[in-house]
All heavy atoms as atom14 arrays in JSON, in Angstrom:
{
  "sequence": "LLRGRKRPLHLMLDRLPARQTKLAADYVATTKGRLTLHFLPGYA",
  "atom14_mask": [
    [1, 1, 1, 1, 1, 1, 1, 1, 0, 0, 0, 0, 0, 0],
    [1, 1, 1, 1, 1, 1, 1, 1, 0, 0, 0, 0, 0, 0],
    [1, 1, 1, 1, 1, 1, 1, 1, 1, 1, 1, 0, 0, 0],
    [1, 1, 1, 1, 0, 0, 0, 0, 0, 0, 0, 0, 0, 0],
    [1, 1, 1, 1, 1, 1, 1, 1, 1, 1, 1, 0, 0, 0],
    [1, 1, 1, 1, 1, 1, 1, 1, 1, 0, 0, 0, 0, 0],
    [1, 1, 1, 1, 1, 1, 1, 1, 1, 1, 1, 0, 0, 0],
    [1, 1, 1, 1, 1, 1, 1, 0, 0, 0, 0, 0, 0, 0],
    [1, 1, 1, 1, 1, 1, 1, 1, 0, 0, 0, 0, 0, 0],
    [1, 1, 1, 1, 1, 1, 1, 1, 1, 1, 0, 0, 0, 0],
    [1, 1, 1, 1, 1, 1, 1, 1, 0, 0, 0, 0, 0, 0],
    [1, 1, 1, 1, 1, 1, 1, 1, 0, 0, 0, 0, 0, 0],
    [1, 1, 1, 1, 1, 1, 1, 1, 0, 0, 0, 0, 0, 0],
    [1, 1, 1, 1, 1, 1, 1, 1, 0, 0, 0, 0, 0, 0],
    [1, 1, 1, 1, 1, 1, 1, 1, 1, 1, 1, 0, 0, 0],
    [1, 1, 1, 1, 1, 1, 1, 1, 0, 0, 0, 0, 0, 0],
    [1, 1, 1, 1, 1, 1, 1, 0, 0, 0, 0, 0, 0, 0],
    [1, 1, 1, 1, 1, 0, 0, 0, 0, 0, 0, 0, 0, 0],
    [1, 1, 1, 1, 1, 1, 1, 1, 1, 1, 1, 0, 0, 0],
    [1, 1, 1, 1, 1, 1, 1, 1, 1, 0, 0, 0, 0, 0],
    [1, 1, 1, 1, 1, 1, 1, 0, 0, 0, 0, 0, 0, 0],
    [1, 1, 1, 1, 1, 1, 1, 1, 1, 0, 0, 0, 0, 0],
    [1, 1, 1, 1, 1, 1, 1, 1, 0, 0, 0, 0, 0, 0],
    [1, 1, 1, 1, 1, 0, 0, 0, 0, 0, 0, 0, 0, 0],
    [1, 1, 1, 1, 1, 0, 0, 0, 0, 0, 0, 0, 0, 0],
    [1, 1, 1, 1, 1, 1, 1, 1, 0, 0, 0, 0, 0, 0],
    [1, 1, 1, 1, 1, 1, 1, 1, 1, 1, 1, 1, 0, 0],
    [1, 1, 1, 1, 1, 1, 1, 0, 0, 0, 0, 0, 0, 0],
    [1, 1, 1, 1, 1, 0, 0, 0, 0, 0, 0, 0, 0, 0],
    [1, 1, 1, 1, 1, 1, 1, 0, 0, 0, 0, 0, 0, 0],
    [1, 1, 1, 1, 1, 1, 1, 0, 0, 0, 0, 0, 0, 0],
    [1, 1, 1, 1, 1, 1, 1, 1, 1, 0, 0, 0, 0, 0],
    [1, 1, 1, 1, 0, 0, 0, 0, 0, 0, 0, 0, 0, 0],
    [1, 1, 1, 1, 1, 1, 1, 1, 1, 1, 1, 0, 0, 0],
    [1, 1, 1, 1, 1, 1, 1, 1, 0, 0, 0, 0, 0, 0],
    [1, 1, 1, 1, 1, 1, 1, 0, 0, 0, 0, 0, 0, 0],
    [1, 1, 1, 1, 1, 1, 1, 1, 0, 0, 0, 0, 0, 0],
    [1, 1, 1, 1, 1, 1, 1, 1, 1, 1, 0, 0, 0, 0],
    [1, 1, 1, 1, 1, 1, 1, 1, 1, 1, 1, 0, 0, 0],
    [1, 1, 1, 1, 1, 1, 1, 1, 0, 0, 0, 0, 0, 0],
    [1, 1, 1, 1, 1, 1, 1, 0, 0, 0, 0, 0, 0, 0],
    [1, 1, 1, 1, 0, 0, 0, 0, 0, 0, 0, 0, 0, 0],
    [1, 1, 1, 1, 1, 1, 1, 1, 1, 1, 1, 1, 0, 0],
    [1, 1, 1, 1, 1, 0, 0, 0, 0, 0, 0, 0, 0, 0]
  ],
  "atom14_positions": [
    [[-4.59, 7.44, 6.34], [-3.4, 8.04, 5.73], [-3.76, 8.8, 4.45], [-3.21, 9.86, 4.17], [-2.37, 6.96, 5.42], [-1.1, 7.37, 4.66], [-0.3, 8.39, 5.47], [-0.24, 6.15, 4.35], [0.0, 0.0, 0.0], [0.0, 0.0, 0.0], [0.0, 0.0, 0.0], [0.0, 0.0, 0.0], [0.0, 0.0, 0.0], [0.0, 0.0, 0.0]],
    [[-4.69, 8.27, 3.66], [-5.07, 8.89, 2.39], [-6.03, 10.05, 2.57], [-6.19, 10.85, 1.63], [-5.7, 7.85, 1.46], [-4.77, 6.87, 0.75], [-5.56, 6.03, -0.23], [-3.63, 7.59, 0.04], [0.0, 0.0, 0.0], [0.0, 0.0, 0.0], [0.0, 0.0, 0.0], [0.0, 0.0, 0.0], [0.0, 0.0, 0.0], [0.0, 0.0, 0.0]],
    [[-6.68, 10.14, 3.71], [-7.71, 11.16, 3.92], [-7.13, 12.57, 3.73], [-6.16, 12.95, 4.37], [-8.3, 11.01, 5.31], [-9.53, 11.87, 5.58], [-10.11, 11.5, 6.93], [-10.52, 10.09, 6.95], [-10.71, 9.4, 8.07], [-10.49, 9.97, 9.25], [-11.1, 8.14, 8.01], [0.0, 0.0, 0.0], [0.0, 0.0, 0.0], [0.0, 0.0, 0.0]],
    [[-7.72, 13.3, 2.82], [-7.31, 14.68, 2.57], [-6.12, 14.85, 1.65], [-5.7, 15.97, 1.37], [0.0, 0.0, 0.0], [0.0, 0.0, 0.0], [0.0, 0.0, 0.0], [0.0, 0.0, 0.0], [0.0, 0.0, 0.0], [0.0, 0.0, 0.0], [0.0, 0.0, 0.0], [0.0, 0.0, 0.0], [0.0, 0.0, 0.0], [0.0, 0.0, 0.0]],
    [[-5.56, 13.75, 1.16], [-4.39, 13.85, 0.27], [-4.83, 14.25, -1.14], [-5.83, 13.76, -1.66], [-3.64, 12.53, 0.21], [-2.97, 12.11, 1.51], [-2.02, 10.95, 1.26], [-0.96, 11.33, 0.33], [0.17, 11.94, 0.68], [0.39, 12.22, 1.94], [1.07, 12.26, -0.22], [0.0, 0.0, 0.0], [0.0, 0.0, 0.0], [0.0, 0.0, 0.0]],
    [[-4.05, 15.12, -1.77], [-4.36, 15.58, -3.12], [-3.5, 14.88, -4.17], [-3.88, 14.82, -5.33], [-4.17, 17.09, -3.22], [-5.09, 17.88, -2.31], [-4.86, 19.38, -2.44], [-5.79, 20.16, -1.54], [-5.56, 21.63, -1.64], [0.0, 0.0, 0.0], [0.0, 0.0, 0.0], [0.0, 0.0, 0.0], [0.0, 0.0, 0.0], [0.0, 0.0, 0.0]],
    [[-2.33, 14.39, -3.76], [-1.42, 13.74, -4.7], [-1.4, 12.24, -4.46], [-1.6, 11.78, -3.33], [0.01, 14.3, -4.52], [0.17, 15.73, -5.04], [1.41, 16.38, -4.43], [2.64, 15.65, -4.69], [3.53, 15.97, -5.65], [3.31, 17.02, -6.42], [4.63, 15.27, -5.8], [0.0, 0.0, 0.0], [0.0, 0.0, 0.0], [0.0, 0.0, 0.0]],
    [[-1.16, 11.45, -5.49], [-1.02, 10.0, -5.32], [0.14, 9.7, -4.37], [1.06, 10.5, -4.21], [-0.76, 9.49, -6.74], [-1.24, 10.57, -7.64], [-1.03, 11.85, -6.91], [0.0, 0.0, 0.0], [0.0, 0.0, 0.0], [0.0, 0.0, 0.0], [0.0, 0.0, 0.0], [0.0, 0.0, 0.0], [0.0, 0.0, 0.0], [0.0, 0.0, 0.0]],
    [[0.1, 8.52, -3.78], [1.12, 8.15, -2.8], [1.69, 6.79, -3.13], [0.96, 5.81, -3.3], [0.51, 8.13, -1.39], [1.45, 7.71, -0.26], [2.59, 8.71, -0.1], [0.69, 7.55, 1.05], [0.0, 0.0, 0.0], [0.0, 0.0, 0.0], [0.0, 0.0, 0.0], [0.0, 0.0, 0.0], [0.0, 0.0, 0.0], [0.0, 0.0, 0.0]],
    [[3.02, 6.72, -3.21], [3.74, 5.45, -3.33], [4.28, 5.13, -1.94], [5.12, 5.87, -1.4], [4.88, 5.57, -4.33], [4.42, 5.63, -5.75], [4.46, 4.56, -6.59], [3.9, 6.67, -6.46], [3.99, 4.91, -7.78], [3.65, 6.19, -7.72], [0.0, 0.0, 0.0], [0.0, 0.0, 0.0], [0.0, 0.0, 0.0], [0.0, 0.0, 0.0]],
    [[3.79, 4.04, -1.34], [4.14, 3.71, 0.03], [5.08, 2.51, 0.06], [4.77, 1.43, -0.45], [2.86, 3.38, 0.81], [2.97, 3.36, 2.33], [3.39, 4.72, 2.86], [1.64, 2.93, 2.95], [0.0, 0.0, 0.0], [0.0, 0.0, 0.0], [0.0, 0.0, 0.0], [0.0, 0.0, 0.0], [0.0, 0.0, 0.0], [0.0, 0.0, 0.0]],
    [[6.28, 2.7, 0.68], [7.27, 1.65, 0.82], [7.12, 1.02, 2.2], [7.07, 1.74, 3.21], [8.69, 2.22, 0.68], [8.85, 3.19, -0.47], [8.73, 2.41, -2.07], [8.23, 3.83, -3.08], [0.0, 0.0, 0.0], [0.0, 0.0, 0.0], [0.0, 0.0, 0.0], [0.0, 0.0, 0.0], [0.0, 0.0, 0.0], [0.0, 0.0, 0.0]],
    [[7.07, -0.3, 2.28], [6.85, -0.94, 3.56], [7.42, -2.35, 3.6], [7.73, -2.93, 2.56], [5.36, -0.96, 3.9], [4.39, -1.73, 3.02], [3.04, -1.82, 3.7], [4.18, -1.05, 1.66], [0.0, 0.0, 0.0], [0.0, 0.0, 0.0], [0.0, 0.0, 0.0], [0.0, 0.0, 0.0], [0.0, 0.0, 0.0], [0.0, 0.0, 0.0]],
    [[7.57, -2.87, 4.82], [8.13, -4.2, 5.01], [7.1, -5.27, 4.67], [5.89, -5.03, 4.64], [8.59, -4.38, 6.46], [9.7, -3.42, 6.83], [10.47, -3.06, 5.93], [9.77, -3.02, 8.01], [0.0, 0.0, 0.0], [0.0, 0.0, 0.0], [0.0, 0.0, 0.0], [0.0, 0.0, 0.0], [0.0, 0.0, 0.0], [0.0, 0.0, 0.0]],
    [[7.6, -6.49, 4.5], [6.75, -7.6, 4.06], [6.13, -8.37, 5.23], [6.22, -9.59, 5.28], [7.58, -8.56, 3.2], [8.14, -7.94, 1.93], [9.1, -8.87, 1.23], [9.62, -8.29, 0.01], [9.08, -8.43, -1.19], [7.99, -9.17, -1.33], [9.62, -7.87, -2.26], [0.0, 0.0, 0.0], [0.0, 0.0, 0.0], [0.0, 0.0, 0.0]],
    [[5.48, -7.7, 6.13], [4.8, -8.4, 7.22], [3.45, -8.94, 6.72], [2.81, -8.33, 5.86], [4.61, -7.48, 8.41], [5.91, -6.99, 9.08], [5.6, -6.14, 10.29], [6.8, -8.16, 9.46], [0.0, 0.0, 0.0], [0.0, 0.0, 0.0], [0.0, 0.0, 0.0], [0.0, 0.0, 0.0], [0.0, 0.0, 0.0], [0.0, 0.0, 0.0]],
    [[2.98, -10.07, 7.26], [1.77, -10.71, 6.75], [0.55, -9.8, 6.71], [-0.23, -9.83, 5.74], [1.56, -11.88, 7.72], [2.93, -12.2, 8.21], [3.64, -10.89, 8.3], [0.0, 0.0, 0.0], [0.0, 0.0, 0.0], [0.0, 0.0, 0.0], [0.0, 0.0, 0.0], [0.0, 0.0, 0.0], [0.0, 0.0, 0.0], [0.0, 0.0, 0.0]],
    [[0.34, -8.98, 7.75], [-0.85, -8.13, 7.81], [-0.89, -7.11, 6.66], [-1.96, -6.58, 6.34], [-0.91, -7.4, 9.15], [0.0, 0.0, 0.0], [0.0, 0.0, 0.0], [0.0, 0.0, 0.0], [0.0, 0.0, 0.0], [0.0, 0.0, 0.0], [0.0, 0.0, 0.0], [0.0, 0.0, 0.0], [0.0, 0.0, 0.0], [0.0, 0.0, 0.0]],
    [[0.25, -6.83, 6.06], [0.32, -5.84, 4.99], [0.21, -6.46, 3.61], [0.2, -5.75, 2.6], [1.64, -5.06, 5.11], [1.82, -4.42, 6.47], [3.22, -3.91, 6.69], [3.41, -3.51, 8.08], [4.56, -3.07, 8.58], [5.63, -3.01, 7.8], [4.66, -2.73, 9.85], [0.0, 0.0, 0.0], [0.0, 0.0, 0.0], [0.0, 0.0, 0.0]],
    [[0.16, -7.78, 3.54], [0.09, -8.46, 2.24], [-1.18, -9.32, 2.11], [-1.21, -10.26, 1.32], [1.33, -9.34, 2.05], [2.64, -8.57, 2.1], [3.84, -9.44, 1.79], [4.14, -9.76, 0.63], [4.55, -9.85, 2.82], [0.0, 0.0, 0.0], [0.0, 0.0, 0.0], [0.0, 0.0, 0.0], [0.0, 0.0, 0.0], [0.0, 0.0, 0.0]],
    [[-2.22, -8.97, 2.84], [-3.47, -9.73, 2.77], [-4.27, -9.35, 1.52], [-4.05, -8.29, 0.92], [-4.33, -9.45, 4.01], [-4.67, -8.05, 4.03], [-3.57, -9.81, 5.29], [0.0, 0.0, 0.0], [0.0, 0.0, 0.0], [0.0, 0.0, 0.0], [0.0, 0.0, 0.0], [0.0, 0.0, 0.0], [0.0, 0.0, 0.0], [0.0, 0.0, 0.0]],
    [[-5.2, -10.23, 1.15], [-6.09, -9.95, 0.01], [-6.96, -8.74, 0.31], [-7.27, -7.94, -0.58], [-6.97, -11.17, -0.27], [-7.85, -11.02, -1.51], [-8.64, -12.28, -1.76], [-9.45, -12.15, -3.06], [-10.41, -11.02, -3.0], [0.0, 0.0, 0.0], [0.0, 0.0, 0.0], [0.0, 0.0, 0.0], [0.0, 0.0, 0.0], [0.0, 0.0, 0.0]],
    [[-7.33, -8.58, 1.59], [-8.13, -7.43, 1.99], [-7.4, -6.12, 1.68], [-8.0, -5.17, 1.16], [-8.44, -7.52, 3.49], [-9.41, -6.48, 4.06], [-10.78, -6.63, 3.43], [-9.49, -6.64, 5.58], [0.0, 0.0, 0.0], [0.0, 0.0, 0.0], [0.0, 0.0, 0.0], [0.0, 0.0, 0.0], [0.0, 0.0, 0.0], [0.0, 0.0, 0.0]],
    [[-6.1, -6.08, 1.99], [-5.32, -4.88, 1.71], [-5.16, -4.67, 0.21], [-5.28, -3.53, -0.29], [-3.95, -4.99, 2.38], [0.0, 0.0, 0.0], [0.0, 0.0, 0.0], [0.0, 0.0, 0.0], [0.0, 0.0, 0.0], [0.0, 0.0, 0.0], [0.0, 0.0, 0.0], [0.0, 0.0, 0.0], [0.0, 0.0, 0.0], [0.0, 0.0, 0.0]],
    [[-4.89, -5.75, -0.53], [-4.74, -5.63, -1.99], [-6.03, -5.15, -2.64], [-6.01, -4.31, -3.56], [-4.32, -6.97, -2.57], [0.0, 0.0, 0.0], [0.0, 0.0, 0.0], [0.0, 0.0, 0.0], [0.0, 0.0, 0.0], [0.0, 0.0, 0.0], [0.0, 0.0, 0.0], [0.0, 0.0, 0.0], [0.0, 0.0, 0.0], [0.0, 0.0, 0.0]],
    [[-7.2, -5.65, -2.17], [-8.48, -5.22, -2.73], [-8.73, -3.74, -2.46], [-9.23, -3.01, -3.33], [-9.61, -6.05, -2.14], [-9.59, -7.49, -2.62], [-8.91, -7.75, -3.64], [-10.24, -8.35, -1.99], [0.0, 0.0, 0.0], [0.0, 0.0, 0.0], [0.0, 0.0, 0.0], [0.0, 0.0, 0.0], [0.0, 0.0, 0.0], [0.0, 0.0, 0.0]],
    [[-8.37, -3.29, -1.25], [-8.56, -1.87, -0.95], [-7.69, -0.99, -1.84], [-8.14, 0.03, -2.37], [-8.27, -1.57, 0.52], [-8.18, -0.09, 0.77], [-9.31, 0.71, 0.68], [-6.95, 0.52, 1.03], [-9.23, 2.09, 0.86], [-6.86, 1.89, 1.22], [-8.0, 2.67, 1.13], [-7.91, 4.04, 1.29], [0.0, 0.0, 0.0], [0.0, 0.0, 0.0]],
    [[-6.42, -1.36, -1.98], [-5.52, -0.58, -2.82], [-6.07, -0.48, -4.24], [-5.98, 0.57, -4.89], [-4.11, -1.2, -2.82], [-3.22, -0.52, -3.86], [-3.47, -1.09, -1.43], [0.0, 0.0, 0.0], [0.0, 0.0, 0.0], [0.0, 0.0, 0.0], [0.0, 0.0, 0.0], [0.0, 0.0, 0.0], [0.0, 0.0, 0.0], [0.0, 0.0, 0.0]],
    [[-6.66, -1.56, -4.74], [-7.23, -1.54, -6.09], [-8.35, -0.53, -6.2], [-8.55, 0.08, -7.26], [-7.71, -2.94, -6.46], [0.0, 0.0, 0.0], [0.0, 0.0, 0.0], [0.0, 0.0, 0.0], [0.0, 0.0, 0.0], [0.0, 0.0, 0.0], [0.0, 0.0, 0.0], [0.0, 0.0, 0.0], [0.0, 0.0, 0.0], [0.0, 0.0, 0.0]],
    [[-9.12, -0.34, -5.12], [-10.24, 0.6, -5.16], [-9.79, 2.06, -5.19], [-10.58, 2.95, -5.53], [-11.16, 0.41, -3.94], [-10.45, 0.77, -2.74], [-11.65, -1.02, -3.85], [0.0, 0.0, 0.0], [0.0, 0.0, 0.0], [0.0, 0.0, 0.0], [0.0, 0.0, 0.0], [0.0, 0.0, 0.0], [0.0, 0.0, 0.0], [0.0, 0.0, 0.0]],
    [[-8.53, 2.32, -4.84], [-8.05, 3.7, -4.84], [-7.72, 4.2, -6.24], [-7.47, 5.39, -6.42], [-6.8, 3.84, -3.95], [-5.71, 3.1, -4.53], [-7.06, 3.34, -2.54], [0.0, 0.0, 0.0], [0.0, 0.0, 0.0], [0.0, 0.0, 0.0], [0.0, 0.0, 0.0], [0.0, 0.0, 0.0], [0.0, 0.0, 0.0], [0.0, 0.0, 0.0]],
    [[-7.69, 3.29, -7.22], [-7.47, 3.65, -8.63], [-6.22, 4.5, -8.83], [-6.24, 5.54, -9.49], [-8.69, 4.39, -9.16], [-9.96, 3.54, -9.14], [-11.16, 4.3, -9.68], [-12.41, 3.42, -9.64], [-13.62, 4.13, -10.15], [0.0, 0.0, 0.0], [0.0, 0.0, 0.0], [0.0, 0.0, 0.0], [0.0, 0.0, 0.0], [0.0, 0.0, 0.0]],
    [[-5.14, 4.04, -8.23], [-3.85, 4.71, -8.43], [-3.51, 5.77, -7.4], [-2.37, 6.28, -7.41], [0.0, 0.0, 0.0], [0.0, 0.0, 0.0], [0.0, 0.0, 0.0], [0.0, 0.0, 0.0], [0.0, 0.0, 0.0], [0.0, 0.0, 0.0], [0.0, 0.0, 0.0], [0.0, 0.0, 0.0], [0.0, 0.0, 0.0], [0.0, 0.0, 0.0]],
    [[-4.45, 6.11, -6.52], [-4.12, 7.09, -5.48], [-3.13, 6.52, -4.48], [-2.38, 7.26, -3.85], [-5.39, 7.53, -4.75], [-6.34, 8.38, -5.58], [-7.51, 8.85, -4.72], [-7.04, 9.67, -3.62], [-7.5, 9.59, -2.36], [-8.42, 8.67, -2.06], [-7.05, 10.38, -1.42], [0.0, 0.0, 0.0], [0.0, 0.0, 0.0], [0.0, 0.0, 0.0]],
    [[-3.13, 5.17, -4.33], [-2.2, 4.52, -3.4], [-1.59, 3.31, -4.08], [-2.3, 2.48, -4.66], [-2.94, 4.08, -2.13], [-2.11, 3.26, -1.12], [-0.98, 4.1, -0.54], [-2.99, 2.73, 0.0], [0.0, 0.0, 0.0], [0.0, 0.0, 0.0], [0.0, 0.0, 0.0], [0.0, 0.0, 0.0], [0.0, 0.0, 0.0], [0.0, 0.0, 0.0]],
    [[-0.28, 3.21, -4.0], [0.45, 2.05, -4.52], [1.4, 1.56, -3.43], [2.12, 2.36, -2.83], [1.26, 2.4, -5.77], [0.39, 3.03, -6.73], [1.86, 1.15, -6.39], [0.0, 0.0, 0.0], [0.0, 0.0, 0.0], [0.0, 0.0, 0.0], [0.0, 0.0, 0.0], [0.0, 0.0, 0.0], [0.0, 0.0, 0.0], [0.0, 0.0, 0.0]],
    [[1.38, 0.26, -3.17], [2.26, -0.32, -2.17], [3.47, -0.97, -2.84], [3.32, -1.68, -3.84], [1.51, -1.37, -1.34], [0.25, -0.92, -0.61], [-0.31, -2.06, 0.24], [0.52, 0.3, 0.26], [0.0, 0.0, 0.0], [0.0, 0.0, 0.0], [0.0, 0.0, 0.0], [0.0, 0.0, 0.0], [0.0, 0.0, 0.0], [0.0, 0.0, 0.0]],
    [[4.64, -0.72, -2.27], [5.88, -1.32, -2.77], [6.58, -1.96, -1.57], [6.84, -1.29, -0.57], [6.78, -0.27, -3.41], [6.13, 0.49, -4.52], [6.02, 0.0, -5.8], [5.54, 1.72, -4.52], [5.41, 0.89, -6.56], [5.1, 1.94, -5.81], [0.0, 0.0, 0.0], [0.0, 0.0, 0.0], [0.0, 0.0, 0.0], [0.0, 0.0, 0.0]],
    [[6.9, -3.23, -1.68], [7.46, -3.96, -0.54], [8.98, -4.02, -0.62], [9.55, -4.38, -1.66], [6.86, -5.36, -0.48], [5.4, -5.35, -0.15], [4.45, -5.44, -1.16], [4.97, -5.21, 1.16], [3.09, -5.41, -0.86], [3.63, -5.18, 1.47], [2.69, -5.28, 0.47], [0.0, 0.0, 0.0], [0.0, 0.0, 0.0], [0.0, 0.0, 0.0]],
    [[9.61, -3.67, 0.49], [11.07, -3.71, 0.6], [11.56, -5.15, 0.56], [10.78, -6.08, 0.84], [11.51, -3.06, 1.92], [11.24, -1.56, 2.06], [11.29, -1.16, 3.52], [12.25, -0.76, 1.27], [0.0, 0.0, 0.0], [0.0, 0.0, 0.0], [0.0, 0.0, 0.0], [0.0, 0.0, 0.0], [0.0, 0.0, 0.0], [0.0, 0.0, 0.0]],
    [[12.82, -5.39, 0.25], [13.37, -6.75, 0.32], [13.18, -7.33, 1.72], [13.2, -6.61, 2.72], [14.85, -6.55, -0.02], [14.9, -5.28, -0.8], [13.82, -4.41, -0.24], [0.0, 0.0, 0.0], [0.0, 0.0, 0.0], [0.0, 0.0, 0.0], [0.0, 0.0, 0.0], [0.0, 0.0, 0.0], [0.0, 0.0, 0.0], [0.0, 0.0, 0.0]],
    [[13.0, -8.63, 1.79], [12.78, -9.28, 3.07], [13.96, -9.18, 4.01], [15.12, -9.14, 3.59], [0.0, 0.0, 0.0], [0.0, 0.0, 0.0], [0.0, 0.0, 0.0], [0.0, 0.0, 0.0], [0.0, 0.0, 0.0], [0.0, 0.0, 0.0], [0.0, 0.0, 0.0], [0.0, 0.0, 0.0], [0.0, 0.0, 0.0], [0.0, 0.0, 0.0]],
    [[13.67, -9.13, 5.3], [14.68, -9.12, 6.36], [15.69, -7.98, 6.21], [16.87, -8.13, 6.48], [15.42, -10.45, 6.4], [14.5, -11.63, 6.6], [14.07, -12.39, 5.5], [14.04, -11.98, 7.86], [13.21, -13.47, 5.67], [13.18, -13.05, 8.04], [12.77, -13.79, 6.94], [11.91, -14.86, 7.13], [0.0, 0.0, 0.0], [0.0, 0.0, 0.0]],
    [[15.2, -6.82, 5.76], [16.09, -5.66, 5.59], [15.45, -4.41, 6.16], [15.22, -3.43, 5.47], [16.42, -5.47, 4.11], [0.0, 0.0, 0.0], [0.0, 0.0, 0.0], [0.0, 0.0, 0.0], [0.0, 0.0, 0.0], [0.0, 0.0, 0.0], [0.0, 0.0, 0.0], [0.0, 0.0, 0.0], [0.0, 0.0, 0.0], [0.0, 0.0, 0.0]]
  ]
}
């Protein structure tokens, strides 16, 4: 998703387990602000 992007991205997504793993959090940290994840309220 980030490949070739020039602007930072704020990504809104549901709170499913695969999206809240430490692996995902560590990767987001390596983007240094190019990608930020924001989780929607549960069950909505």
